[in-house]
Structures are given as structure tokens and as C-alpha cells.
Amino acid sequence: MTNDKILRAKRINGELDKVKRALLVHFGEYSVLPDIILYQTNKDNVKILAILSVKNSFRERFTETPYWKLKLLQSPITSHIKVFMITPDNDDEISFKDKPKKALSWSMN
């Protein structure tokens, strides 16, 4: 597991460089990295497993997380990557008709 701050460092090891190159999403002349990345590696290969979008506030992630998935779907290199939104919903921005009996997991896949 790694995050965008580590991948933006000027000096990263070969494994993290492969992760970075496999994940960069391009917006015209800019390249952007997601927040937290789960990946699997062996001697010669890096496979991105998932992106975790983790924030205390649901408000920011409501549109940002699905947008990341749409951007990843645009390339055959990144279309397999799963995207998950994780929030404790501290501001009670997610409402349910009946309170859930257990924690929920939503996948944007």
C-alpha cells in the first residue's frame, strides 16, 4: 500500500516508480495520482488492485470518487482497478430510511 504523497517524492524506488507509472491519470498537460493505492508486486510486475478514497467528509467524495473510476475506465491499462469510497460519515451526510445494522461497503466498480 502507498499514497499519493509518497509517489510524488523526487526519489522513489523502482517498485514505487512502476506503481506511479501504472496509475497516472492525465488531464491535458497535467498528471494526477489518487489518494491511497493498494497494489501487488512480484519480481517483474506491479498490479494495481484498488484505490481507496478515504475522507472524514462524504461531501467531497460524493462526486470525486466516481469521477476517478470514470477516468480509470478510459484506459485499458487502468480499467481493471477497483475504486472504494471509505468514510465514517462524521457529519451524518448519508441518510438511511432505517439505520443499518452493520457497516456498509460501497464499490464504484
N, C-alpha and C. Protein backbone atom coordinates (compact mmCIF):
# COMPACT_ATOMS: atom_id res chain seq x y z
N MET A 1 0.86 -1.17 0.00
CA MET A 1 0.00 0.00 0.00
C MET A 1 0.90 1.23 0.00
N THR A 2 0.46 2.26 -0.70
CA THR A 2 1.18 3.52 -0.71
C THR A 2 0.16 4.64 -0.89
N ASN A 3 0.66 5.88 -0.95
CA ASN A 3 -0.25 7.01 -1.15
C ASN A 3 0.37 8.01 -2.11
N ASP A 4 -0.44 9.00 -2.48
CA ASP A 4 -0.01 9.98 -3.48
C ASP A 4 1.18 10.80 -3.02
N LYS A 5 1.30 11.10 -1.73
CA LYS A 5 2.42 11.91 -1.24
C LYS A 5 3.74 11.18 -1.42
N ILE A 6 3.75 9.89 -1.14
CA ILE A 6 4.97 9.10 -1.32
C ILE A 6 5.34 9.03 -2.80
N LEU A 7 4.36 8.81 -3.66
CA LEU A 7 4.63 8.68 -5.09
C LEU A 7 5.06 9.99 -5.73
N ARG A 8 4.73 11.13 -5.12
CA ARG A 8 5.14 12.43 -5.67
C ARG A 8 6.56 12.82 -5.27
N ALA A 9 7.20 12.04 -4.41
CA ALA A 9 8.56 12.36 -3.97
C ALA A 9 9.51 12.35 -5.16
N LYS A 10 10.57 13.14 -5.06
CA LYS A 10 11.53 13.23 -6.16
C LYS A 10 12.30 11.92 -6.35
N ARG A 11 12.56 11.22 -5.25
CA ARG A 11 13.30 9.96 -5.32
C ARG A 11 12.44 8.84 -4.76
N ILE A 12 12.07 7.89 -5.62
CA ILE A 12 11.32 6.72 -5.17
C ILE A 12 12.00 5.47 -5.74
N ASN A 13 11.80 4.35 -5.08
CA ASN A 13 12.44 3.12 -5.54
C ASN A 13 11.77 2.60 -6.81
N GLY A 14 12.38 1.60 -7.42
CA GLY A 14 11.89 1.07 -8.69
C GLY A 14 10.48 0.53 -8.63
N GLU A 15 10.14 -0.14 -7.52
CA GLU A 15 8.79 -0.69 -7.38
C GLU A 15 7.75 0.43 -7.35
N LEU A 16 8.00 1.46 -6.54
CA LEU A 16 7.04 2.56 -6.46
C LEU A 16 6.98 3.35 -7.76
N ASP A 17 8.08 3.41 -8.49
CA ASP A 17 8.07 4.08 -9.79
C ASP A 17 7.13 3.34 -10.75
N LYS A 18 7.15 2.00 -10.70
CA LYS A 18 6.24 1.21 -11.54
C LYS A 18 4.78 1.46 -11.14
N VAL A 19 4.52 1.55 -9.83
CA VAL A 19 3.17 1.83 -9.35
C VAL A 19 2.72 3.19 -9.88
N LYS A 20 3.58 4.18 -9.75
CA LYS A 20 3.26 5.54 -10.19
C LYS A 20 2.94 5.56 -11.69
N ARG A 21 3.76 4.93 -12.48
CA ARG A 21 3.56 4.93 -13.93
C ARG A 21 2.29 4.18 -14.34
N ALA A 22 1.92 3.17 -13.56
CA ALA A 22 0.71 2.40 -13.87
C ALA A 22 -0.56 3.13 -13.49
N LEU A 23 -0.45 4.19 -12.69
CA LEU A 23 -1.63 4.86 -12.13
C LEU A 23 -1.86 6.28 -12.59
N LEU A 24 -0.88 6.93 -13.14
CA LEU A 24 -1.04 8.34 -13.50
C LEU A 24 -2.25 8.52 -14.42
N VAL A 25 -3.10 9.45 -14.05
CA VAL A 25 -4.25 9.80 -14.88
C VAL A 25 -3.94 11.17 -15.48
N HIS A 26 -4.05 11.28 -16.78
CA HIS A 26 -3.65 12.51 -17.47
C HIS A 26 -4.86 13.40 -17.77
N PHE A 27 -4.68 14.68 -17.48
CA PHE A 27 -5.67 15.72 -17.79
C PHE A 27 -4.94 16.76 -18.63
N GLY A 28 -4.96 16.58 -19.94
CA GLY A 28 -4.23 17.50 -20.79
C GLY A 28 -2.75 17.44 -20.47
N GLU A 29 -2.16 18.56 -20.08
CA GLU A 29 -0.73 18.61 -19.78
C GLU A 29 -0.41 18.20 -18.34
N TYR A 30 -1.42 17.92 -17.52
CA TYR A 30 -1.21 17.56 -16.12
C TYR A 30 -1.42 16.07 -15.89
N SER A 31 -0.71 15.54 -14.90
CA SER A 31 -0.90 14.16 -14.47
C SER A 31 -1.23 14.16 -12.99
N VAL A 32 -2.20 13.33 -12.59
CA VAL A 32 -2.70 13.33 -11.22
C VAL A 32 -2.67 11.90 -10.68
N LEU A 33 -2.43 11.78 -9.37
CA LEU A 33 -2.44 10.48 -8.69
C LEU A 33 -3.58 10.43 -7.69
N PRO A 34 -4.21 9.28 -7.51
CA PRO A 34 -5.26 9.13 -6.48
C PRO A 34 -4.65 9.09 -5.08
N ASP A 35 -5.52 9.07 -4.06
CA ASP A 35 -5.09 9.15 -2.66
C ASP A 35 -4.29 7.95 -2.17
N ILE A 36 -4.95 6.82 -2.01
CA ILE A 36 -4.32 5.63 -1.44
C ILE A 36 -4.46 4.48 -2.43
N ILE A 37 -3.36 3.78 -2.63
CA ILE A 37 -3.32 2.75 -3.65
C ILE A 37 -2.93 1.41 -3.02
N LEU A 38 -3.72 0.37 -3.29
CA LEU A 38 -3.35 -0.99 -2.90
C LEU A 38 -2.79 -1.66 -4.14
N TYR A 39 -1.62 -2.28 -4.01
CA TYR A 39 -1.05 -2.93 -5.16
C TYR A 39 -0.35 -4.23 -4.76
N GLN A 40 -0.15 -5.08 -5.75
CA GLN A 40 0.51 -6.36 -5.57
C GLN A 40 1.73 -6.35 -6.48
N THR A 41 2.81 -6.92 -6.01
CA THR A 41 4.02 -6.92 -6.83
C THR A 41 4.73 -8.26 -6.75
N ASN A 42 5.40 -8.59 -7.83
CA ASN A 42 6.34 -9.70 -7.81
C ASN A 42 7.63 -9.19 -8.42
N LYS A 43 8.55 -10.05 -8.76
CA LYS A 43 9.87 -9.62 -9.22
C LYS A 43 9.82 -8.64 -10.39
N ASP A 44 8.98 -8.92 -11.37
CA ASP A 44 8.99 -8.11 -12.59
C ASP A 44 7.72 -7.30 -12.85
N ASN A 45 6.70 -7.49 -12.03
CA ASN A 45 5.41 -6.91 -12.37
C ASN A 45 4.75 -6.24 -11.17
N VAL A 46 4.06 -5.15 -11.44
CA VAL A 46 3.25 -4.46 -10.43
C VAL A 46 1.82 -4.48 -10.92
N LYS A 47 0.90 -4.91 -10.08
CA LYS A 47 -0.52 -4.90 -10.44
C LYS A 47 -1.26 -4.03 -9.43
N ILE A 48 -1.94 -3.00 -9.92
CA ILE A 48 -2.74 -2.14 -9.06
C ILE A 48 -4.03 -2.87 -8.76
N LEU A 49 -4.34 -3.06 -7.48
CA LEU A 49 -5.55 -3.79 -7.09
C LEU A 49 -6.73 -2.86 -6.87
N ALA A 50 -6.50 -1.73 -6.18
CA ALA A 50 -7.62 -0.85 -5.84
C ALA A 50 -7.12 0.52 -5.43
N ILE A 51 -8.03 1.47 -5.52
CA ILE A 51 -7.81 2.82 -5.00
C ILE A 51 -8.80 3.00 -3.86
N LEU A 52 -8.30 3.46 -2.72
CA LEU A 52 -9.16 3.74 -1.57
C LEU A 52 -9.28 5.25 -1.44
N SER A 53 -10.48 5.75 -1.50
CA SER A 53 -10.74 7.17 -1.32
C SER A 53 -11.27 7.35 0.10
N VAL A 54 -10.41 7.83 0.99
CA VAL A 54 -10.72 7.88 2.42
C VAL A 54 -10.75 9.34 2.90
N LYS A 55 -11.90 9.74 3.43
CA LYS A 55 -12.04 11.09 4.00
C LYS A 55 -13.05 11.08 5.11
N ASN A 56 -12.94 12.04 6.02
CA ASN A 56 -13.93 12.19 7.09
C ASN A 56 -15.25 12.74 6.57
N SER A 57 -15.18 13.54 5.52
CA SER A 57 -16.38 14.17 4.97
C SER A 57 -16.82 13.45 3.70
N PHE A 58 -18.06 13.05 3.66
CA PHE A 58 -18.63 12.40 2.48
C PHE A 58 -18.79 13.40 1.33
N ARG A 59 -19.03 14.64 1.66
CA ARG A 59 -19.36 15.68 0.68
C ARG A 59 -18.35 15.72 -0.47
N GLU A 60 -17.06 15.73 -0.16
CA GLU A 60 -16.03 15.82 -1.20
C GLU A 60 -15.98 14.57 -2.07
N ARG A 61 -16.21 13.43 -1.48
CA ARG A 61 -16.06 12.16 -2.19
C ARG A 61 -17.29 11.77 -3.00
N PHE A 62 -18.39 12.41 -2.76
CA PHE A 62 -19.63 12.06 -3.45
C PHE A 62 -19.47 12.11 -4.97
N THR A 63 -18.74 13.08 -5.46
CA THR A 63 -18.52 13.19 -6.91
C THR A 63 -17.10 12.80 -7.31
N GLU A 64 -16.14 13.02 -6.43
CA GLU A 64 -14.74 12.77 -6.78
C GLU A 64 -14.44 11.29 -7.00
N THR A 65 -14.96 10.43 -6.15
CA THR A 65 -14.66 9.00 -6.26
C THR A 65 -15.22 8.39 -7.55
N PRO A 66 -16.49 8.62 -7.90
CA PRO A 66 -16.98 8.09 -9.18
C PRO A 66 -16.23 8.69 -10.38
N TYR A 67 -15.80 9.95 -10.26
CA TYR A 67 -15.04 10.58 -11.34
C TYR A 67 -13.73 9.84 -11.57
N TRP A 68 -13.04 9.46 -10.48
CA TRP A 68 -11.80 8.69 -10.61
C TRP A 68 -12.07 7.39 -11.38
N LYS A 69 -13.13 6.69 -11.03
CA LYS A 69 -13.43 5.43 -11.71
C LYS A 69 -13.68 5.66 -13.20
N LEU A 70 -14.41 6.72 -13.53
CA LEU A 70 -14.65 7.03 -14.95
C LEU A 70 -13.35 7.31 -15.69
N LYS A 71 -12.43 8.03 -15.06
CA LYS A 71 -11.14 8.32 -15.69
C LYS A 71 -10.34 7.03 -15.88
N LEU A 72 -10.36 6.15 -14.89
CA LEU A 72 -9.63 4.89 -14.99
C LEU A 72 -10.21 3.99 -16.08
N LEU A 73 -11.51 4.04 -16.29
CA LEU A 73 -12.16 3.23 -17.33
C LEU A 73 -11.75 3.65 -18.74
N GLN A 74 -11.22 4.84 -18.90
CA GLN A 74 -10.87 5.35 -20.22
C GLN A 74 -9.63 4.69 -20.81
N SER A 75 -8.88 3.97 -19.99
CA SER A 75 -7.66 3.33 -20.48
C SER A 75 -7.70 1.83 -20.19
N PRO A 76 -7.34 1.00 -21.17
CA PRO A 76 -7.30 -0.44 -20.90
C PRO A 76 -6.25 -0.81 -19.85
N ILE A 77 -5.28 0.04 -19.64
CA ILE A 77 -4.23 -0.22 -18.65
C ILE A 77 -4.77 -0.06 -17.23
N THR A 78 -5.76 0.83 -17.03
CA THR A 78 -6.27 1.10 -15.68
C THR A 78 -7.73 0.69 -15.48
N SER A 79 -8.38 0.18 -16.50
CA SER A 79 -9.83 -0.08 -16.39
C SER A 79 -10.17 -1.19 -15.38
N HIS A 80 -9.24 -2.07 -15.05
CA HIS A 80 -9.50 -3.16 -14.11
C HIS A 80 -9.44 -2.71 -12.64
N ILE A 81 -8.94 -1.53 -12.37
CA ILE A 81 -8.71 -1.08 -10.99
C ILE A 81 -10.03 -0.80 -10.29
N LYS A 82 -10.20 -1.38 -9.13
CA LYS A 82 -11.40 -1.14 -8.33
C LYS A 82 -11.21 0.14 -7.52
N VAL A 83 -12.31 0.86 -7.29
CA VAL A 83 -12.28 2.11 -6.54
C VAL A 83 -13.28 2.01 -5.40
N PHE A 84 -12.82 2.30 -4.18
CA PHE A 84 -13.68 2.23 -3.00
C PHE A 84 -13.71 3.58 -2.29
N MET A 85 -14.87 3.96 -1.83
CA MET A 85 -15.03 5.18 -1.04
C MET A 85 -15.22 4.76 0.42
N ILE A 86 -14.42 5.34 1.31
CA ILE A 86 -14.49 4.99 2.72
C ILE A 86 -14.68 6.28 3.52
N THR A 87 -15.71 6.31 4.36
CA THR A 87 -15.96 7.48 5.20
C THR A 87 -16.66 7.05 6.49
N PRO A 88 -16.29 7.65 7.62
CA PRO A 88 -17.04 7.39 8.85
C PRO A 88 -18.33 8.21 8.90
N ASP A 89 -18.53 9.10 7.92
CA ASP A 89 -19.71 9.96 7.85
C ASP A 89 -19.89 10.74 9.14
N ASN A 90 -18.84 11.42 9.56
CA ASN A 90 -18.87 12.21 10.80
C ASN A 90 -19.93 13.31 10.80
N ASP A 91 -20.29 13.79 9.62
CA ASP A 91 -21.26 14.89 9.51
C ASP A 91 -22.69 14.39 9.26
N ASP A 92 -22.91 13.08 9.33
CA ASP A 92 -24.23 12.48 9.07
C ASP A 92 -24.82 12.95 7.74
N GLU A 93 -23.99 12.90 6.70
CA GLU A 93 -24.44 13.33 5.37
C GLU A 93 -25.08 12.20 4.57
N ILE A 94 -24.88 10.97 5.00
CA ILE A 94 -25.51 9.83 4.35
C ILE A 94 -26.68 9.42 5.22
N SER A 95 -27.85 9.36 4.63
CA SER A 95 -29.02 9.01 5.44
C SER A 95 -29.64 7.71 4.93
N PHE A 96 -30.28 7.01 5.84
CA PHE A 96 -30.95 5.75 5.54
C PHE A 96 -32.36 5.80 6.09
N LYS A 97 -33.27 5.13 5.42
CA LYS A 97 -34.64 5.05 5.94
C LYS A 97 -34.62 4.38 7.30
N ASP A 98 -33.92 3.26 7.40
CA ASP A 98 -33.72 2.56 8.66
C ASP A 98 -32.22 2.51 8.91
N LYS A 99 -31.81 2.67 10.14
CA LYS A 99 -30.39 2.62 10.46
C LYS A 99 -29.80 1.27 10.06
N PRO A 100 -28.64 1.26 9.41
CA PRO A 100 -28.03 -0.02 9.04
C PRO A 100 -27.61 -0.79 10.29
N LYS A 101 -27.71 -2.11 10.21
CA LYS A 101 -27.35 -2.95 11.35
C LYS A 101 -25.85 -3.22 11.41
N LYS A 102 -25.15 -3.01 10.30
CA LYS A 102 -23.71 -3.21 10.28
C LYS A 102 -23.09 -2.22 9.30
N ALA A 103 -21.76 -2.12 9.33
CA ALA A 103 -21.06 -1.20 8.44
C ALA A 103 -21.30 -1.61 6.99
N LEU A 104 -21.38 -0.61 6.12
CA LEU A 104 -21.62 -0.85 4.70
C LEU A 104 -20.36 -0.59 3.90
N SER A 105 -20.23 -1.26 2.78
CA SER A 105 -19.12 -1.05 1.87
C SER A 105 -19.70 -0.80 0.49
N TRP A 106 -19.32 0.31 -0.12
CA TRP A 106 -19.77 0.63 -1.47
C TRP A 106 -18.57 0.56 -2.40
N SER A 107 -18.75 -0.08 -3.51
CA SER A 107 -17.70 -0.18 -4.51
C SER A 107 -18.15 0.56 -5.75
N MET A 108 -17.28 1.36 -6.34
CA MET A 108 -17.60 2.11 -7.55
C MET A 108 -17.13 1.33 -8.78
N ASN A 109 -17.48 0.05 -8.86
CA ASN A 109 -16.96 -0.78 -9.94
C ASN A 109 -18.07 -1.34 -10.78
